[in-house]
Structures are given as structure tokens and as C-alpha cells.
N, C-alpha and C. Protein backbone atom coordinates (compact mmCIF):
# COMPACT_ATOMS: atom_id res chain seq x y z
N MET A 1 -65.20 13.96 40.76
CA MET A 1 -64.78 15.10 39.78
C MET A 1 -63.45 15.50 40.68
N ARG A 2 -63.81 14.93 42.07
CA ARG A 2 -62.95 15.60 43.34
C ARG A 2 -61.41 14.76 43.30
N THR A 3 -61.91 13.03 43.44
CA THR A 3 -60.52 12.11 42.86
C THR A 3 -59.69 13.19 41.20
N LEU A 4 -60.43 13.62 40.57
CA LEU A 4 -59.91 13.55 39.33
C LEU A 4 -59.00 15.11 39.26
N ASP A 5 -60.20 15.79 40.27
CA ASP A 5 -59.29 16.84 40.09
C ASP A 5 -57.49 16.60 41.20
N LYS A 6 -57.86 15.63 42.12
CA LYS A 6 -56.87 15.18 43.03
C LYS A 6 -55.70 14.95 42.18
N LEU A 7 -55.95 13.94 41.74
CA LEU A 7 -54.64 13.20 40.54
C LEU A 7 -54.06 14.47 40.23
N GLY A 8 -54.86 15.33 39.04
CA GLY A 8 -54.13 16.51 38.35
C GLY A 8 -53.54 17.23 39.39
N VAL A 9 -53.53 17.94 40.03
CA VAL A 9 -53.25 18.67 41.21
C VAL A 9 -51.67 17.38 40.79
N ARG A 10 -51.94 16.43 41.33
CA ARG A 10 -50.62 15.47 41.82
C ARG A 10 -49.42 15.37 40.71
N TRP A 11 -50.08 15.16 39.49
CA TRP A 11 -49.23 14.96 38.37
C TRP A 11 -49.43 16.36 38.26
N SER A 12 -49.44 17.60 38.16
CA SER A 12 -49.28 18.28 37.91
C SER A 12 -47.85 19.54 38.91
N VAL A 13 -48.48 18.76 39.78
CA VAL A 13 -46.77 19.25 41.11
C VAL A 13 -45.68 18.74 40.70
N GLY A 14 -45.63 16.74 40.55
CA GLY A 14 -44.89 15.76 39.83
C GLY A 14 -44.28 16.71 38.47
N PHE A 15 -45.08 17.05 38.11
CA PHE A 15 -44.65 17.37 36.36
C PHE A 15 -43.65 18.59 36.48
N PHE A 16 -44.17 19.75 37.54
CA PHE A 16 -43.33 21.12 37.78
C PHE A 16 -42.11 20.69 38.40
N ALA A 17 -42.35 19.48 39.03
CA ALA A 17 -40.85 19.33 40.11
C ALA A 17 -40.04 18.57 39.37
N PHE A 18 -40.27 17.83 38.05
CA PHE A 18 -38.97 16.85 36.99
C PHE A 18 -38.60 18.35 36.69
N ILE A 19 -39.71 19.25 35.78
CA ILE A 19 -38.64 20.26 35.00
C ILE A 19 -37.71 20.93 35.52
N PHE A 20 -38.11 21.76 36.89
CA PHE A 20 -37.37 22.12 37.97
C PHE A 20 -36.19 21.36 38.21
N ALA A 21 -36.11 20.24 38.75
CA ALA A 21 -34.90 19.05 38.87
C ALA A 21 -34.33 19.13 37.78
N CYS A 22 -34.06 19.06 36.08
CA CYS A 22 -33.82 19.25 35.17
C CYS A 22 -33.55 20.40 35.46
N PHE A 23 -33.71 21.14 34.84
CA PHE A 23 -33.20 22.96 34.46
C PHE A 23 -31.88 22.83 35.75
N SER A 24 -32.57 22.54 37.17
CA SER A 24 -31.51 22.66 38.27
C SER A 24 -29.57 21.88 37.72
N CYS A 25 -29.96 20.51 37.24
CA CYS A 25 -29.05 20.16 36.84
C CYS A 25 -28.44 20.95 35.50
N ILE A 26 -28.34 21.48 34.66
CA ILE A 26 -27.68 22.07 33.17
C ILE A 26 -27.09 22.86 34.07
N GLU A 27 -25.66 22.63 33.67
CA GLU A 27 -24.61 23.56 33.48
C GLU A 27 -24.55 24.59 32.83
N THR A 28 -23.99 25.34 33.99
CA THR A 28 -23.54 26.95 33.76
C THR A 28 -22.67 27.96 34.25
N VAL A 29 -22.04 28.50 33.58
CA VAL A 29 -20.86 28.66 34.28
C VAL A 29 -20.77 30.45 35.24
N ASP A 30 -20.19 29.93 36.07
CA ASP A 30 -19.75 30.52 36.91
C ASP A 30 -19.31 31.91 37.15
N ASN A 31 -17.74 31.11 36.54
CA ASN A 31 -16.87 32.67 36.19
C ASN A 31 -15.82 32.00 35.18
N GLN A 32 -15.27 33.14 34.36
CA GLN A 32 -14.74 32.42 33.01
C GLN A 32 -13.57 33.47 33.57
N SER A 33 -12.41 33.25 32.81
CA SER A 33 -10.89 34.26 32.75
C SER A 33 -10.37 34.35 31.88
N LEU A 34 -9.71 35.30 30.84
CA LEU A 34 -8.85 34.80 29.77
C LEU A 34 -7.01 35.24 30.94
N VAL A 35 -6.62 33.92 30.97
CA VAL A 35 -5.57 32.88 31.04
C VAL A 35 -4.41 33.36 30.13
N TYR A 36 -4.67 33.15 28.95
CA TYR A 36 -3.06 33.53 27.93
C TYR A 36 -3.77 34.09 26.57
N SER A 37 -3.46 34.96 26.51
CA SER A 37 -3.66 35.79 24.45
C SER A 37 -2.21 35.82 24.12
N ASN A 38 -2.24 35.24 23.38
CA ASN A 38 -1.00 35.62 22.45
C ASN A 38 -1.09 36.60 21.03
N ASN A 39 -0.76 37.24 20.75
CA ASN A 39 -0.31 37.22 18.68
C ASN A 39 0.81 37.71 18.25
N PHE A 40 1.85 37.86 19.10
CA PHE A 40 2.82 38.03 19.34
C PHE A 40 3.37 39.43 18.50
N SER A 41 2.63 39.83 18.87
CA SER A 41 2.46 41.46 18.58
C SER A 41 4.00 42.27 19.20
N ASN A 42 4.33 41.69 20.48
CA ASN A 42 5.25 42.35 21.36
C ASN A 42 6.43 41.01 21.54
N LEU A 43 6.26 40.36 20.25
CA LEU A 43 7.74 39.38 20.45
C LEU A 43 7.86 38.13 21.83
N ASP A 44 7.06 38.18 22.09
CA ASP A 44 6.76 37.32 23.60
C ASP A 44 6.88 35.97 23.41
N LEU A 45 7.82 35.48 23.52
CA LEU A 45 7.74 33.33 22.90
C LEU A 45 7.91 32.94 24.85
N ALA A 46 7.58 33.50 25.57
CA ALA A 46 7.98 32.98 26.90
C ALA A 46 6.75 31.83 27.20
N ASN A 47 7.69 31.11 27.84
CA ASN A 47 7.07 29.25 28.11
C ASN A 47 6.57 28.40 26.72
N PHE A 48 6.91 29.00 25.65
CA PHE A 48 7.14 28.38 25.39
C PHE A 48 8.41 27.06 24.34
N GLU A 49 8.41 26.12 23.54
CA GLU A 49 9.21 24.79 23.06
C GLU A 49 8.70 24.78 21.76
N ASN A 50 9.68 25.28 20.72
CA ASN A 50 9.77 25.55 19.62
C ASN A 50 9.55 26.27 19.28
N GLY A 51 9.69 27.75 19.87
CA GLY A 51 8.86 28.64 19.30
C GLY A 51 10.25 29.65 18.50
N ARG A 52 9.20 30.59 17.22
CA ARG A 52 10.48 31.29 16.10
C ARG A 52 9.29 31.89 15.69
N LEU A 53 9.62 33.25 14.71
CA LEU A 53 9.20 34.34 14.90
C LEU A 53 9.23 34.92 13.29
N PHE A 54 8.22 34.89 12.97
CA PHE A 54 9.27 35.83 11.87
C PHE A 54 7.69 36.54 10.87
N ILE A 55 7.97 38.03 9.78
CA ILE A 55 6.96 38.87 9.32
C ILE A 55 7.00 38.42 8.34
N TRP A 56 4.99 38.17 8.30
CA TRP A 56 4.98 37.72 6.61
C TRP A 56 3.06 38.45 6.70
N GLN A 57 3.23 39.71 5.09
CA GLN A 57 1.94 40.60 4.65
C GLN A 57 2.39 40.98 5.78
N ARG A 58 3.16 42.18 6.59
CA ARG A 58 3.45 42.90 7.90
C ARG A 58 3.11 42.29 9.13
N ASP A 59 2.57 41.21 9.52
CA ASP A 59 2.11 40.57 11.02
C ASP A 59 3.16 40.46 11.25
N THR A 60 3.37 40.58 12.05
CA THR A 60 4.60 39.22 13.38
C THR A 60 3.35 37.87 13.82
N ILE A 61 3.87 36.57 13.09
CA ILE A 61 3.46 35.74 13.65
C ILE A 61 4.67 34.60 13.98
N ALA A 62 3.89 33.41 14.60
CA ALA A 62 5.09 32.57 15.08
C ALA A 62 5.04 31.06 13.59
N GLY A 63 6.06 30.90 13.65
CA GLY A 63 6.86 29.44 12.45
C GLY A 63 7.22 30.58 11.59
N TYR A 64 7.71 30.36 10.17
CA TYR A 64 6.69 29.00 9.85
C TYR A 64 7.46 27.48 10.25
N TYR A 65 6.41 26.29 10.25
CA TYR A 65 6.19 25.27 10.09
C TYR A 65 6.25 24.45 9.31
N HIS A 66 6.63 22.78 9.12
CA HIS A 66 6.43 21.88 8.86
C HIS A 66 6.12 20.60 9.62
N ASN A 67 6.55 19.41 9.44
CA ASN A 67 6.68 18.46 10.36
C ASN A 67 6.90 18.19 11.73
N GLU A 68 6.56 19.46 12.71
CA GLU A 68 7.07 20.00 13.87
C GLU A 68 5.18 20.36 14.76
N GLU A 69 6.44 19.95 16.12
CA GLU A 69 4.99 20.30 17.56
C GLU A 69 5.73 21.54 17.92
N VAL A 70 4.90 22.33 18.12
CA VAL A 70 5.13 23.16 19.02
C VAL A 70 3.75 23.40 20.11
N ALA A 71 4.43 24.09 21.41
CA ALA A 71 3.83 24.54 22.61
C ALA A 71 3.75 25.44 23.30
N VAL A 72 2.86 25.21 24.25
CA VAL A 72 3.06 26.84 25.61
C VAL A 72 2.05 26.18 26.16
N THR A 73 2.66 26.69 27.68
CA THR A 73 3.16 26.10 28.46
C THR A 73 2.54 27.34 29.74
N VAL A 74 0.64 27.15 30.38
CA VAL A 74 -0.14 28.22 31.38
C VAL A 74 0.29 27.41 32.62
N LYS A 75 0.86 28.94 33.77
CA LYS A 75 0.86 28.55 34.41
C LYS A 75 -0.09 29.52 35.31
N ASP A 76 0.18 28.68 36.58
CA ASP A 76 -1.00 29.79 37.66
C ASP A 76 -2.21 29.93 37.77
N LEU A 77 -3.04 28.19 36.81
CA LEU A 77 -4.32 29.20 36.69
C LEU A 77 -5.41 29.19 37.97
N PRO A 78 -6.45 29.71 37.66
CA PRO A 78 -7.89 29.74 38.74
C PRO A 78 -7.89 28.48 38.58
N THR A 79 -9.35 28.07 39.68
CA THR A 79 -10.33 26.95 39.86
C THR A 79 -10.37 27.07 38.43
N HIS A 80 -10.84 26.02 38.14
CA HIS A 80 -11.66 26.25 36.74
C HIS A 80 -11.60 24.52 36.45
N ASN A 81 -13.19 23.68 35.24
CA ASN A 81 -12.98 22.39 35.20
C ASN A 81 -13.20 22.50 33.43
N TYR A 82 -13.45 23.98 32.95
CA TYR A 82 -12.75 23.30 31.35
C TYR A 82 -12.01 24.74 31.28
N LEU A 83 -11.15 24.55 29.94
CA LEU A 83 -10.28 25.83 28.91
C LEU A 83 -10.78 25.09 27.84
N LYS A 84 -10.81 27.20 27.50
CA LYS A 84 -11.12 26.77 25.85
C LYS A 84 -9.93 27.23 25.13
N VAL A 85 -9.59 26.39 24.30
CA VAL A 85 -8.45 27.00 24.23
C VAL A 85 -8.74 27.25 21.93
N SER A 86 -8.75 28.46 21.05
CA SER A 86 -8.47 29.39 20.28
C SER A 86 -7.45 29.40 20.11
N ILE A 87 -6.65 29.30 18.54
CA ILE A 87 -5.46 28.99 18.34
C ILE A 87 -6.09 29.13 16.28
N GLU A 88 -5.75 30.72 16.49
CA GLU A 88 -5.29 30.70 15.26
C GLU A 88 -4.20 30.83 14.12
N ILE A 89 -4.56 29.93 13.01
CA ILE A 89 -3.52 29.28 12.25
C ILE A 89 -3.29 29.83 10.87
N LEU A 90 -2.52 29.82 10.14
CA LEU A 90 -2.26 29.92 8.62
C LEU A 90 -1.47 29.01 7.82
N VAL A 91 -2.59 28.43 6.89
CA VAL A 91 -1.66 27.47 5.96
C VAL A 91 -1.82 27.55 4.73
N HIS A 92 -0.56 27.37 4.39
CA HIS A 92 0.37 27.62 3.59
C HIS A 92 0.90 26.73 2.18
N ASP A 93 0.54 27.16 1.12
CA ASP A 93 0.94 26.62 -0.40
C ASP A 93 -0.07 25.34 -0.49
N SER A 94 0.67 24.16 -0.58
CA SER A 94 0.22 23.03 -1.34
C SER A 94 -0.84 21.58 -0.48
N TRP A 95 -1.08 22.15 0.76
CA TRP A 95 -1.68 21.25 1.30
C TRP A 95 -2.88 20.73 0.31
N ASP A 96 -2.58 19.48 0.91
CA ASP A 96 -3.60 18.45 0.37
C ASP A 96 -4.42 17.26 1.42
N GLY A 97 -4.82 17.73 1.91
CA GLY A 97 -6.31 17.46 2.36
C GLY A 97 -6.06 15.78 2.77
N ASN A 98 -6.85 15.19 2.14
CA ASN A 98 -7.59 13.29 2.71
C ASN A 98 -6.72 13.52 1.84
N ALA A 99 -6.35 13.14 0.66
CA ALA A 99 -5.37 12.92 -0.12
C ALA A 99 -4.97 11.69 0.00
N ASP A 100 -4.74 10.64 -0.47
CA ASP A 100 -3.86 9.10 0.20
C ASP A 100 -3.73 8.21 -0.54
N ASP A 101 -2.90 8.84 -1.90
CA ASP A 101 -2.00 8.33 -2.50
C ASP A 101 -0.92 7.78 -2.07
N GLY A 102 -0.31 8.06 -1.45
CA GLY A 102 1.18 7.49 -0.94
C GLY A 102 1.89 8.71 -0.89
N ILE A 103 2.03 10.02 -1.25
CA ILE A 103 3.06 10.88 -2.00
C ILE A 103 2.23 12.07 -1.56
N SER A 104 1.55 12.48 -1.68
CA SER A 104 0.76 13.39 -0.95
C SER A 104 -0.58 14.05 -0.30
N GLY A 105 -0.65 12.91 0.49
CA GLY A 105 -1.51 13.35 1.79
C GLY A 105 -1.56 12.00 2.25
N PRO A 106 -2.72 11.86 3.61
CA PRO A 106 -3.37 13.03 3.56
C PRO A 106 -2.16 14.30 4.62
N ASP A 107 -2.90 15.12 4.87
CA ASP A 107 -2.00 16.36 5.41
C ASP A 107 -2.47 16.72 6.25
N PHE A 108 -1.60 15.88 8.15
CA PHE A 108 -2.61 16.40 9.12
C PHE A 108 -2.24 17.84 9.82
N TRP A 109 -2.86 18.27 10.93
CA TRP A 109 -3.06 18.79 11.46
C TRP A 109 -3.18 18.81 12.93
N PHE A 110 -2.94 18.80 13.86
CA PHE A 110 -3.03 18.23 15.08
C PHE A 110 -3.56 19.31 17.11
N MET A 111 -3.81 18.83 17.67
CA MET A 111 -3.24 20.53 18.36
C MET A 111 -4.53 19.20 19.83
N GLY A 112 -3.39 19.63 21.07
CA GLY A 112 -3.65 18.66 22.64
C GLY A 112 -3.75 19.48 24.04
N LEU A 113 -4.02 18.84 25.12
CA LEU A 113 -3.72 19.77 26.17
C LEU A 113 -3.24 18.34 27.06
N ASP A 114 -1.79 19.05 27.80
CA ASP A 114 -1.34 18.11 28.69
C ASP A 114 -0.85 16.83 27.64
N ASP A 115 -1.12 15.88 28.17
CA ASP A 115 -0.75 14.77 27.32
C ASP A 115 -1.62 13.94 26.67
N SER A 116 -2.73 15.09 26.01
CA SER A 116 -4.12 13.84 25.11
C SER A 116 -3.97 14.66 24.46
N GLU A 117 -3.92 14.37 23.07
CA GLU A 117 -4.89 14.78 21.88
C GLU A 117 -6.57 15.03 21.45
N THR A 118 -6.44 16.47 21.70
CA THR A 118 -7.93 16.73 21.64
C THR A 118 -8.31 16.89 19.80
N LEU A 119 -8.09 17.14 19.32
CA LEU A 119 -8.13 17.69 17.49
C LEU A 119 -7.00 16.99 16.10
N ARG A 120 -7.57 16.15 15.56
CA ARG A 120 -6.77 15.98 14.48
C ARG A 120 -8.15 15.73 12.84
N THR A 121 -7.34 16.68 12.71
CA THR A 121 -7.93 17.31 10.91
C THR A 121 -7.68 17.33 10.11
N THR A 122 -7.62 17.30 8.76
CA THR A 122 -6.79 18.02 7.45
C THR A 122 -7.20 19.35 6.73
N PHE A 123 -6.38 19.94 6.23
CA PHE A 123 -6.30 21.30 5.36
C PHE A 123 -6.30 20.73 4.50
N SER A 124 -6.72 21.45 3.37
CA SER A 124 -6.79 21.59 1.76
C SER A 124 -6.76 23.05 1.18
N ASN A 125 -5.53 23.36 0.66
CA ASN A 125 -5.44 24.45 -0.65
C ASN A 125 -5.99 24.42 -1.54
N SER A 126 -5.79 22.95 -2.05
CA SER A 126 -6.78 22.26 -3.52
C SER A 126 -7.30 22.91 -4.41
N PRO A 127 -7.54 23.55 -5.33
CA PRO A 127 -8.36 23.89 -5.90
C PRO A 127 -9.73 22.87 -6.28
N CYS A 128 -10.62 22.54 -5.87
CA CYS A 128 -11.50 21.93 -6.49
C CYS A 128 -12.41 22.36 -7.50
N VAL A 129 -12.34 21.02 -8.22
CA VAL A 129 -13.57 21.38 -9.80
C VAL A 129 -14.35 20.30 -9.94
N SER A 130 -15.18 19.75 -10.75
CA SER A 130 -15.93 18.70 -11.04
C SER A 130 -15.33 17.77 -11.13
N THR A 131 -13.43 17.60 -11.28
CA THR A 131 -13.11 15.91 -12.30
C THR A 131 -12.16 16.12 -11.26
N PHE A 132 -11.72 16.88 -10.27
CA PHE A 132 -10.71 17.43 -9.70
C PHE A 132 -11.22 17.82 -8.16
N CYS A 133 -11.06 16.91 -6.85
CA CYS A 133 -11.11 18.30 -5.68
C CYS A 133 -10.41 17.16 -4.57
N LEU A 134 -9.31 17.59 -3.53
CA LEU A 134 -8.71 17.53 -2.22
C LEU A 134 -9.19 18.08 -1.35
N TYR A 135 -10.23 17.27 -0.62
CA TYR A 135 -10.92 17.51 0.02
C TYR A 135 -10.32 17.77 1.73
N GLN A 136 -10.92 18.29 2.36
CA GLN A 136 -10.26 18.69 3.79
C GLN A 136 -11.43 18.10 4.30
N SER A 137 -10.79 17.30 5.97
CA SER A 137 -11.86 17.44 6.99
C SER A 137 -12.31 18.48 8.00
N PHE A 138 -11.12 19.32 8.20
CA PHE A 138 -11.76 20.75 9.42
C PHE A 138 -12.95 20.92 8.25
N PRO A 139 -13.64 21.89 9.32
CA PRO A 139 -14.29 21.85 10.74
C PRO A 139 -14.39 20.45 11.59
N ASN A 140 -14.38 19.49 10.89
CA ASN A 140 -14.96 17.85 11.49
C ASN A 140 -13.29 17.69 12.00
N ARG A 141 -13.14 16.34 12.66
CA ARG A 141 -12.03 16.03 12.49
C ARG A 141 -11.83 15.15 11.41
N PHE A 142 -10.70 14.12 11.14
CA PHE A 142 -10.43 13.48 10.44
C PHE A 142 -11.25 11.68 10.48
N PHE A 143 -11.91 11.58 9.86
CA PHE A 143 -12.03 11.17 7.96
C PHE A 143 -12.87 11.86 8.18
N ARG A 144 -13.73 13.24 8.15
CA ARG A 144 -14.83 14.06 7.07
C ARG A 144 -14.20 14.91 5.81
N GLN A 145 -15.64 14.22 5.17
CA GLN A 145 -15.12 15.62 3.49
C GLN A 145 -15.49 16.54 3.21
N ASN A 146 -14.98 17.88 3.00
CA ASN A 146 -15.18 18.89 3.00
C ASN A 146 -14.58 19.35 1.83
N ARG A 147 -14.84 20.15 1.60
CA ARG A 147 -14.53 20.65 0.34
C ARG A 147 -13.46 21.49 0.93
N PRO A 148 -12.23 21.92 -0.13
CA PRO A 148 -10.43 22.63 0.44
C PRO A 148 -11.64 24.18 1.38
N LYS A 149 -10.67 24.79 1.75
CA LYS A 149 -11.01 25.75 2.88
C LYS A 149 -12.23 25.89 3.40
N THR A 150 -13.29 25.23 3.67
CA THR A 150 -14.43 25.24 4.41
C THR A 150 -13.83 25.47 5.58
N GLY A 151 -15.13 26.61 6.67
CA GLY A 151 -14.80 27.23 7.77
C GLY A 151 -13.52 28.45 8.22
N ALA A 152 -13.15 28.86 6.41
CA ALA A 152 -11.09 29.68 6.96
C ALA A 152 -11.92 31.11 6.82
N THR A 153 -10.95 31.17 7.61
CA THR A 153 -12.15 32.72 7.93
C THR A 153 -10.99 33.91 7.02
N SER A 154 -10.38 33.35 6.13
CA SER A 154 -9.83 34.35 4.92
C SER A 154 -9.11 32.94 4.11
N ILE A 155 -9.53 33.09 3.11
CA ILE A 155 -8.88 32.79 1.83
C ILE A 155 -8.41 32.85 0.59
N ASN A 156 -7.74 34.71 1.00
CA ASN A 156 -7.81 35.26 -0.06
C ASN A 156 -6.23 35.43 -0.19
N LEU A 157 -5.28 34.85 0.56
CA LEU A 157 -3.97 35.56 1.10
C LEU A 157 -3.20 34.37 -0.08
N PRO A 158 -1.63 35.64 -0.72
CA PRO A 158 -0.90 35.00 -1.46
C PRO A 158 0.13 33.40 -0.10
N GLY A 159 0.58 32.56 -0.75
CA GLY A 159 1.49 31.43 -0.07
C GLY A 159 2.83 31.91 -0.22
N LEU A 160 2.67 31.22 0.74
CA LEU A 160 4.19 31.60 1.59
C LEU A 160 5.37 31.28 1.40
N CYS A 161 5.31 30.17 0.56
CA CYS A 161 6.93 29.64 -0.45
C CYS A 161 6.73 29.43 -2.45
N LEU A 162 6.02 28.24 -1.99
CA LEU A 162 6.09 27.72 -3.54
C LEU A 162 4.86 28.22 -4.38
N PHE A 163 4.07 28.29 -3.92
CA PHE A 163 3.08 29.76 -4.69
C PHE A 163 3.07 31.02 -4.04
N GLY A 164 4.17 31.74 -3.65
CA GLY A 164 4.78 33.41 -3.14
C GLY A 164 3.91 33.80 -4.23
N ALA A 165 3.48 33.58 -4.70
CA ALA A 165 3.65 34.62 -6.10
C ALA A 165 1.86 34.55 -6.64
N SER A 166 1.15 33.86 -6.14
CA SER A 166 -0.02 33.34 -6.30
C SER A 166 -1.22 33.78 -5.48
N SER A 167 -1.45 34.35 -4.78
CA SER A 167 -3.79 34.38 -4.22
C SER A 167 -4.11 33.47 -4.04
N SER A 168 -4.39 33.27 -3.12
CA SER A 168 -5.35 32.43 -2.27
C SER A 168 -4.69 30.84 -2.47
N TYR A 169 -3.36 30.71 -1.69
CA TYR A 169 -3.04 29.93 -1.25
C TYR A 169 -1.84 29.72 -0.38
N THR A 170 -3.04 30.63 0.99
CA THR A 170 -2.75 30.40 2.35
C THR A 170 -4.10 30.60 2.88
N SER A 171 -4.06 29.98 3.69
CA SER A 171 -6.00 30.18 4.33
C SER A 171 -5.26 30.42 5.74
N ARG A 172 -6.61 31.21 6.45
CA ARG A 172 -6.67 31.26 7.70
C ARG A 172 -8.11 30.64 8.51
N TYR A 173 -7.39 30.33 9.91
CA TYR A 173 -8.77 29.68 10.23
C TYR A 173 -8.35 30.02 11.91
N VAL A 174 -9.52 29.50 12.47
CA VAL A 174 -9.40 29.76 13.91
C VAL A 174 -9.97 28.21 14.34
N VAL A 175 -9.15 27.45 14.95
CA VAL A 175 -9.18 26.56 15.79
C VAL A 175 -9.74 26.58 16.74
N GLU A 176 -10.80 26.49 17.60
CA GLU A 176 -11.12 26.12 19.00
C GLU A 176 -11.38 25.07 19.99
N GLN A 177 -11.63 24.53 21.57
CA GLN A 177 -11.34 23.50 21.18
C GLN A 177 -12.15 24.15 23.15
N LEU A 178 -13.10 22.95 23.30
CA LEU A 178 -13.54 23.44 24.79
C LEU A 178 -13.08 21.80 25.59
N ILE A 179 -12.34 21.93 26.26
CA ILE A 179 -11.50 21.11 27.09
C ILE A 179 -11.78 20.46 28.49
N GLU A 180 -12.08 19.75 28.69
CA GLU A 180 -12.37 19.35 30.28
C GLU A 180 -10.80 19.56 30.98
N HIS A 181 -10.89 20.21 31.79
CA HIS A 181 -8.91 20.30 32.66
C HIS A 181 -9.09 21.24 33.86
N THR A 182 -8.52 20.45 34.60
CA THR A 182 -8.66 21.47 35.94
C THR A 182 -7.38 21.33 36.98
N ASN A 183 -6.26 21.04 36.13
CA ASN A 183 -4.78 21.38 36.90
C ASN A 183 -4.54 23.28 36.82
N PRO A 184 -3.86 23.09 37.85
CA PRO A 184 -3.36 24.52 37.86
C PRO A 184 -1.78 24.57 36.53
N GLU A 185 -1.68 23.91 35.61
CA GLU A 185 -0.46 24.38 34.34
C GLU A 185 -1.67 22.99 33.92
N ALA A 186 -1.08 24.18 32.77
CA ALA A 186 -1.30 23.18 31.13
C ALA A 186 -1.01 23.56 30.02
N ARG A 187 -0.47 22.54 29.60
CA ARG A 187 0.88 22.86 27.95
C ARG A 187 -0.35 22.61 26.94
N VAL A 188 -0.97 23.82 25.93
CA VAL A 188 -0.94 23.01 24.53
C VAL A 188 -0.17 23.19 23.83
N PHE A 189 -0.80 22.32 23.44
CA PHE A 189 0.48 21.88 21.84
C PHE A 189 -0.37 21.57 20.09
N MET A 190 0.63 21.94 20.07
CA MET A 190 -0.40 21.58 18.44
C MET A 190 1.15 21.10 17.59
N GLY A 191 0.82 20.70 15.89
CA GLY A 191 1.97 20.85 15.17
C GLY A 191 1.18 19.79 13.52
N ALA A 192 1.83 19.23 13.13
CA ALA A 192 1.50 19.33 12.25
C ALA A 192 1.87 17.56 11.16
N GLU A 193 1.52 16.35 10.41
CA GLU A 193 2.07 16.00 9.77
C GLU A 193 1.99 16.05 8.23
N LEU A 194 3.14 16.47 7.38
CA LEU A 194 2.54 16.56 6.21
C LEU A 194 3.66 15.80 4.74
N LYS A 195 2.38 15.42 4.14
CA LYS A 195 3.16 14.49 3.04
C LYS A 195 3.50 14.99 1.66
N GLN A 196 4.34 15.18 1.19
CA GLN A 196 4.78 15.63 -0.30
C GLN A 196 6.79 14.43 -0.26
N THR A 197 6.40 14.00 -0.73
CA THR A 197 7.49 12.81 -0.87
C THR A 197 8.30 13.05 -2.62
N ASN A 198 7.53 13.77 -3.30
CA ASN A 198 7.60 14.48 -4.28
C ASN A 198 8.61 15.66 -4.57
N SER A 199 8.75 16.29 -3.14
CA SER A 199 9.60 17.76 -3.44
C SER A 199 10.80 17.47 -2.93
N PRO A 200 11.20 18.63 -3.76
CA PRO A 200 12.99 18.29 -3.55
C PRO A 200 12.53 19.45 -1.60
N ASP A 201 12.33 20.40 -2.08
CA ASP A 201 11.95 21.01 -0.55
C ASP A 201 10.49 21.11 -0.49
N PRO A 202 10.12 20.06 0.45
CA PRO A 202 9.49 19.84 1.61
C PRO A 202 8.05 20.97 2.13
N ILE A 203 9.14 21.40 3.10
CA ILE A 203 9.04 23.16 3.81
C ILE A 203 8.59 23.88 3.14
N CYS A 204 9.14 24.06 1.97
CA CYS A 204 8.54 25.23 0.60
C CYS A 204 7.14 24.77 0.16
N ASP A 205 6.93 23.35 0.31
CA ASP A 205 5.69 23.20 -0.34
C ASP A 205 4.66 23.29 0.53
N GLU A 206 5.08 23.17 1.89
CA GLU A 206 3.94 22.97 2.89
C GLU A 206 3.88 23.45 4.00
N SER A 207 3.14 24.42 4.34
CA SER A 207 3.68 24.79 6.27
C SER A 207 2.37 25.07 6.85
N TRP A 208 3.13 26.01 7.92
CA TRP A 208 1.78 25.76 8.93
C TRP A 208 2.75 28.02 9.96
N SER A 209 1.67 28.65 9.81
CA SER A 209 2.10 29.30 10.88
C SER A 209 1.36 28.64 11.98
N ILE A 210 1.39 30.29 13.02
CA ILE A 210 0.56 30.71 14.53
C ILE A 210 0.38 32.05 14.30
N ALA A 211 -1.18 33.20 13.46
CA ALA A 211 -1.54 34.45 14.07
C ALA A 211 -1.51 34.37 15.37
N SER A 212 -2.41 34.10 16.63
CA SER A 212 -2.45 34.18 17.95
C SER A 212 -2.67 33.14 18.33
N ILE A 213 -2.85 31.89 19.79
CA ILE A 213 -3.57 32.04 20.58
C ILE A 213 -3.77 32.13 22.12
N GLN A 214 -5.16 31.89 22.50
CA GLN A 214 -5.96 32.81 23.03
C GLN A 214 -6.13 31.29 24.76
N VAL A 215 -6.40 31.17 25.72
CA VAL A 215 -6.66 30.42 26.86
C VAL A 215 -7.76 30.72 27.75
N LEU A 216 -8.80 30.63 27.55
CA LEU A 216 -9.83 30.91 28.69
C LEU A 216 -10.21 29.90 29.55
N ALA A 217 -9.58 30.40 31.31
CA ALA A 217 -10.28 29.18 32.27
C ALA A 217 -12.10 29.30 32.37
N ILE A 218 -12.90 28.81 32.32
CA ILE A 218 -13.91 28.61 32.57
C ILE A 218 -14.40 27.58 33.99
N GLN A 219 -15.54 28.14 35.03
CA GLN A 219 -15.36 27.61 35.98
C GLN A 219 -17.07 27.65 35.91
N THR A 220 -17.74 25.64 35.76
CA THR A 220 -18.74 26.46 35.00
C THR A 220 -19.42 25.21 36.87
N ASN A 221 -21.08 25.49 37.16
CA ASN A 221 -21.42 25.30 38.48
C ASN A 221 -21.49 23.14 38.77
N ARG A 222 -20.66 22.59 38.00
CA ARG A 222 -20.53 20.87 37.96
C ARG A 222 -19.56 20.82 38.69
N LYS A 223 -20.39 20.60 39.74
CA LYS A 223 -19.23 19.45 41.18
C LYS A 223 -17.99 18.15 40.29
């Protein structure tokens, strides 16, 4: 019995040491700070590339854009090993999601950090019925089949141009990415690759805008 007791004690000590070691390896946040935030209400486009503003639904937003890339550079970052980037975008008019007919899609939106693309996805504003549905990839990466407007924070907004008189043709999304990063400067970029070869006015047919951008610098206990 004493031998068994000793073995039990040794096993217990070893087990709890293993559990403690596992928990000590869990990455936790040491500090985080908001290093950039812009909802364009103060008309600020400092450090923007291809930045422009317009008023839509009584709100000042950046855009509107078609097959274009936009970027903002954030400088003098504190010590960090992650950046959390949150972009609130508006998807206007007839986005066709994953459609792959050579005419109307797929309609891509992408974002990235510095020189690396971190997300490529699609959006769809198409009605979805049992006999016809143009699926989108968001909130997942391309190619994932989700119903149109999945993950949208608002779907009851009117279109911007082609469907400006129709409700539910602008969808609002918050796109978030947690990205490993350590440099003192970051360039956040985003853009779209839209296809509508049968439209005489493609930018009126499909466009997108930026309602806000926020960047959070995070330092974890990972060395």
C-alpha cells in the first residue's frame, strides 16, 4: 500500500505540474492600445492613399469605390505583436457574390496589412429564393457558400446608384482581422475586384464605401 501511495503521490505531482505548464503557455494580453480610429466625421484623410469623402444617408463616409484599392498608414506604433484591424464597410447595389458566369462575378473584396493580403471574400446583395440564389463567402474566406448578407450588421439600407430607389440594396458589415505584426509602422489596405461586363456603368452597378476604420495594437506575453 505504501508503494502504491508513493506512486499515486508522484503521479499527482507530475499531473499537476503538467497542467500548470500548459496553462503557463497560454497567450494572454499584457496591454493593448487604440492606435488609429476614424469614422470620417471630422473629414480627416491624413495618411490615406486614394482617400475621398462623400455624404450618404446624412453620414460622411469614404468612397465610393469600384475596382480600386484604398490604404491608410499608421505610424509610431507602440511595442506590439498583433494588430486588430476593424473595418466597417458598405456594400452597394448589385454585388453577385460567388457567381462565376464570366459576366457578373465573382465579386471580391479584400484587405491586408503591409505587403500581405489577409482576407479575400465575396459579398452578395442578391435576393435568395429556392430557384435562384447567388451565395457569398463572407464571413468566411473565398470559396465558402453562405447565403447573401450573412454576417451583415444592417441589410435594410437603400442602394447607392443603380438601386438607389430600392430598399435592402446596401449591406453594412464589420470586417475584423487579428494579424501578427511587430513593425513600428503599418499600412492597412483594402479593395475590390468587381465584375459586371454587361453593364454600361459598372461603378453605378456595384460599389463599396468605408464607414470607419479602427486599429488596436496588442502586446501578449508571447516572446
